[in-house]
């Protein structure tokens, strides 16, 4: 999806990245194998997952000031379904368009 977003929104870059939750560090090699997605590991000092009330496979869409616009869960809306993929892509593009205006 990153490549499609880069092509569709050259004026306002959209950056995808993953954040793993505390206690799941052993899964980092599997989560990052063969993918280009930047991957961060949450740490107790910040505990972002708890602070944001995140659940597994949440996609947080942020504005340019890192404020949450919306949350989209890709377990409930599996991205292997083209309708869901297109829906999330459009949410991200709409956020970028709003940021540009």
C-alpha atoms as a PDB file:
ATOM      1  CA  UNK A   1       0.000   0.000   0.000  1.00  0.00           C
ATOM      2  CA  UNK A   2       2.882   2.398   0.706  1.00  0.00           C
ATOM      3  CA  UNK A   3       3.824   2.561  -2.980  1.00  0.00           C
ATOM      4  CA  UNK A   4       0.248   3.289  -4.008  1.00  0.00           C
ATOM      5  CA  UNK A   5       0.024   6.063  -1.413  1.00  0.00           C
ATOM      6  CA  UNK A   6       3.332   7.545  -2.578  1.00  0.00           C
ATOM      7  CA  UNK A   7       2.012   7.667  -6.139  1.00  0.00           C
ATOM      8  CA  UNK A   8      -1.414   9.045  -5.170  1.00  0.00           C
ATOM      9  CA  UNK A   9      -0.216  11.704  -2.718  1.00  0.00           C
ATOM     10  CA  UNK A  10       3.144  13.103  -3.830  1.00  0.00           C
ATOM     11  CA  UNK A  11       2.470  16.581  -2.391  1.00  0.00           C
ATOM     12  CA  UNK A  12       1.713  15.336   1.138  1.00  0.00           C
ATOM     13  CA  UNK A  13       3.763  12.267   2.052  1.00  0.00           C
ATOM     14  CA  UNK A  14       1.928   9.489   3.869  1.00  0.00           C
ATOM     15  CA  UNK A  15       4.171   7.326   6.050  1.00  0.00           C
ATOM     16  CA  UNK A  16       3.069   3.895   7.239  1.00  0.00           C
ATOM     17  CA  UNK A  17       4.830   2.262  10.187  1.00  0.00           C
ATOM     18  CA  UNK A  18       4.151  -0.457  12.709  1.00  0.00           C
ATOM     19  CA  UNK A  19       4.390  -0.337  16.496  1.00  0.00           C
ATOM     20  CA  UNK A  20       4.699  -3.605  18.395  1.00  0.00           C
ATOM     21  CA  UNK A  21       3.305  -3.851  21.910  1.00  0.00           C
ATOM     22  CA  UNK A  22       5.305  -4.460  25.058  1.00  0.00           C
ATOM     23  CA  UNK A  23       5.703  -8.171  25.742  1.00  0.00           C
ATOM     24  CA  UNK A  24       5.555  -9.231  22.094  1.00  0.00           C
ATOM     25  CA  UNK A  25       9.172  -8.498  21.252  1.00  0.00           C
ATOM     26  CA  UNK A  26       9.841 -12.106  20.282  1.00  0.00           C
ATOM     27  CA  UNK A  27       7.524 -11.637  17.298  1.00  0.00           C
ATOM     28  CA  UNK A  28       9.527  -8.759  15.811  1.00  0.00           C
ATOM     29  CA  UNK A  29      11.620 -10.935  13.455  1.00  0.00           C
ATOM     30  CA  UNK A  30       8.495 -12.538  11.994  1.00  0.00           C
ATOM     31  CA  UNK A  31       6.667  -9.218  11.706  1.00  0.00           C
ATOM     32  CA  UNK A  32       9.521  -7.591   9.813  1.00  0.00           C
ATOM     33  CA  UNK A  33      10.695 -10.498   7.641  1.00  0.00           C
ATOM     34  CA  UNK A  34      10.415  -9.670   3.972  1.00  0.00           C
ATOM     35  CA  UNK A  35       8.568  -6.364   4.400  1.00  0.00           C
ATOM     36  CA  UNK A  36       9.599  -2.745   4.018  1.00  0.00           C
ATOM     37  CA  UNK A  37       7.299  -1.437   6.760  1.00  0.00           C
ATOM     38  CA  UNK A  38       9.246   0.568   9.349  1.00  0.00           C
ATOM     39  CA  UNK A  39       8.747  -1.181  12.689  1.00  0.00           C
ATOM     40  CA  UNK A  40       9.008   0.313  16.177  1.00  0.00           C
ATOM     41  CA  UNK A  41       8.990  -1.479  19.503  1.00  0.00           C
ATOM     42  CA  UNK A  42       6.938   0.108  22.278  1.00  0.00           C
ATOM     43  CA  UNK A  43       8.808   0.302  25.596  1.00  0.00           C
ATOM     44  CA  UNK A  44       7.642   0.720  29.211  1.00  0.00           C
ATOM     45  CA  UNK A  45       9.029   4.273  29.303  1.00  0.00           C
ATOM     46  CA  UNK A  46       6.363   5.352  26.756  1.00  0.00           C
ATOM     47  CA  UNK A  47       3.765   2.532  26.775  1.00  0.00           C
ATOM     48  CA  UNK A  48       2.023   4.012  23.750  1.00  0.00           C
ATOM     49  CA  UNK A  49      -0.301   1.042  23.330  1.00  0.00           C
ATOM     50  CA  UNK A  50      -1.813   1.552  26.777  1.00  0.00           C
ATOM     51  CA  UNK A  51      -1.877   5.346  26.484  1.00  0.00           C
ATOM     52  CA  UNK A  52      -3.819   5.129  23.222  1.00  0.00           C
ATOM     53  CA  UNK A  53      -5.953   2.114  24.180  1.00  0.00           C
ATOM     54  CA  UNK A  54      -4.682   0.235  21.135  1.00  0.00           C
ATOM     55  CA  UNK A  55      -5.653  -3.310  20.290  1.00  0.00           C
ATOM     56  CA  UNK A  56      -3.904  -5.670  17.914  1.00  0.00           C
ATOM     57  CA  UNK A  57      -3.929  -4.617  14.277  1.00  0.00           C
ATOM     58  CA  UNK A  58      -5.271  -1.111  14.861  1.00  0.00           C
ATOM     59  CA  UNK A  59      -4.253   1.443  12.255  1.00  0.00           C
ATOM     60  CA  UNK A  60      -4.075   4.915  13.757  1.00  0.00           C
ATOM     61  CA  UNK A  61      -4.434   7.654  11.172  1.00  0.00           C
ATOM     62  CA  UNK A  62      -2.733  10.818  12.384  1.00  0.00           C
ATOM     63  CA  UNK A  63      -2.655  14.371  11.125  1.00  0.00           C
ATOM     64  CA  UNK A  64       0.516  16.409  10.649  1.00  0.00           C
ATOM     65  CA  UNK A  65       0.589  17.278  14.360  1.00  0.00           C
ATOM     66  CA  UNK A  66       0.310  13.583  15.320  1.00  0.00           C
ATOM     67  CA  UNK A  67      -3.304  13.935  16.490  1.00  0.00           C
ATOM     68  CA  UNK A  68      -5.523  10.896  15.921  1.00  0.00           C
ATOM     69  CA  UNK A  69      -7.999  11.366  13.085  1.00  0.00           C
ATOM     70  CA  UNK A  70      -9.445   7.858  13.165  1.00  0.00           C
ATOM     71  CA  UNK A  71      -8.633   4.248  14.033  1.00  0.00           C
ATOM     72  CA  UNK A  72      -9.165   1.398  11.554  1.00  0.00           C
ATOM     73  CA  UNK A  73      -8.773  -2.201  12.693  1.00  0.00           C
ATOM     74  CA  UNK A  74      -7.472  -4.579  10.037  1.00  0.00           C
ATOM     75  CA  UNK A  75      -8.654  -7.670  11.880  1.00  0.00           C
ATOM     76  CA  UNK A  76     -12.275  -6.537  11.661  1.00  0.00           C
ATOM     77  CA  UNK A  77     -11.641  -5.178   8.152  1.00  0.00           C
ATOM     78  CA  UNK A  78      -9.215  -7.654   6.576  1.00  0.00           C
ATOM     79  CA  UNK A  79      -7.084  -5.944   3.942  1.00  0.00           C
ATOM     80  CA  UNK A  80      -7.089  -9.057   1.752  1.00  0.00           C
ATOM     81  CA  UNK A  81     -10.632  -7.946   0.876  1.00  0.00           C
ATOM     82  CA  UNK A  82     -10.196  -5.306  -1.866  1.00  0.00           C
ATOM     83  CA  UNK A  83     -13.126  -3.267  -0.501  1.00  0.00           C
ATOM     84  CA  UNK A  84     -11.408  -2.931   2.879  1.00  0.00           C
ATOM     85  CA  UNK A  85      -8.026  -2.226   1.285  1.00  0.00           C
ATOM     86  CA  UNK A  86      -9.537   0.543  -0.834  1.00  0.00           C
ATOM     87  CA  UNK A  87     -11.447   1.928   2.160  1.00  0.00           C
ATOM     88  CA  UNK A  88      -8.306   2.266   4.298  1.00  0.00           C
ATOM     89  CA  UNK A  89      -6.348   3.685   1.377  1.00  0.00           C
ATOM     90  CA  UNK A  90      -9.051   6.321   0.852  1.00  0.00           C
ATOM     91  CA  UNK A  91      -9.075   7.206   4.570  1.00  0.00           C
ATOM     92  CA  UNK A  92      -5.324   7.818   4.373  1.00  0.00           C
ATOM     93  CA  UNK A  93      -5.616   9.842   1.171  1.00  0.00           C
ATOM     94  CA  UNK A  94      -8.450  11.923   2.644  1.00  0.00           C
ATOM     95  CA  UNK A  95      -6.292  12.661   5.699  1.00  0.00           C
ATOM     96  CA  UNK A  96      -3.439  13.777   3.454  1.00  0.00           C
ATOM     97  CA  UNK A  97      -5.773  15.954   1.402  1.00  0.00           C
ATOM     98  CA  UNK A  98      -7.143  17.598   4.553  1.00  0.00           C
ATOM     99  CA  UNK A  99      -3.574  18.201   5.713  1.00  0.00           C
ATOM    100  CA  UNK A 100      -2.717  19.896   2.416  1.00  0.00           C
ATOM    101  CA  UNK A 101      -5.643  22.322   2.740  1.00  0.00           C
END
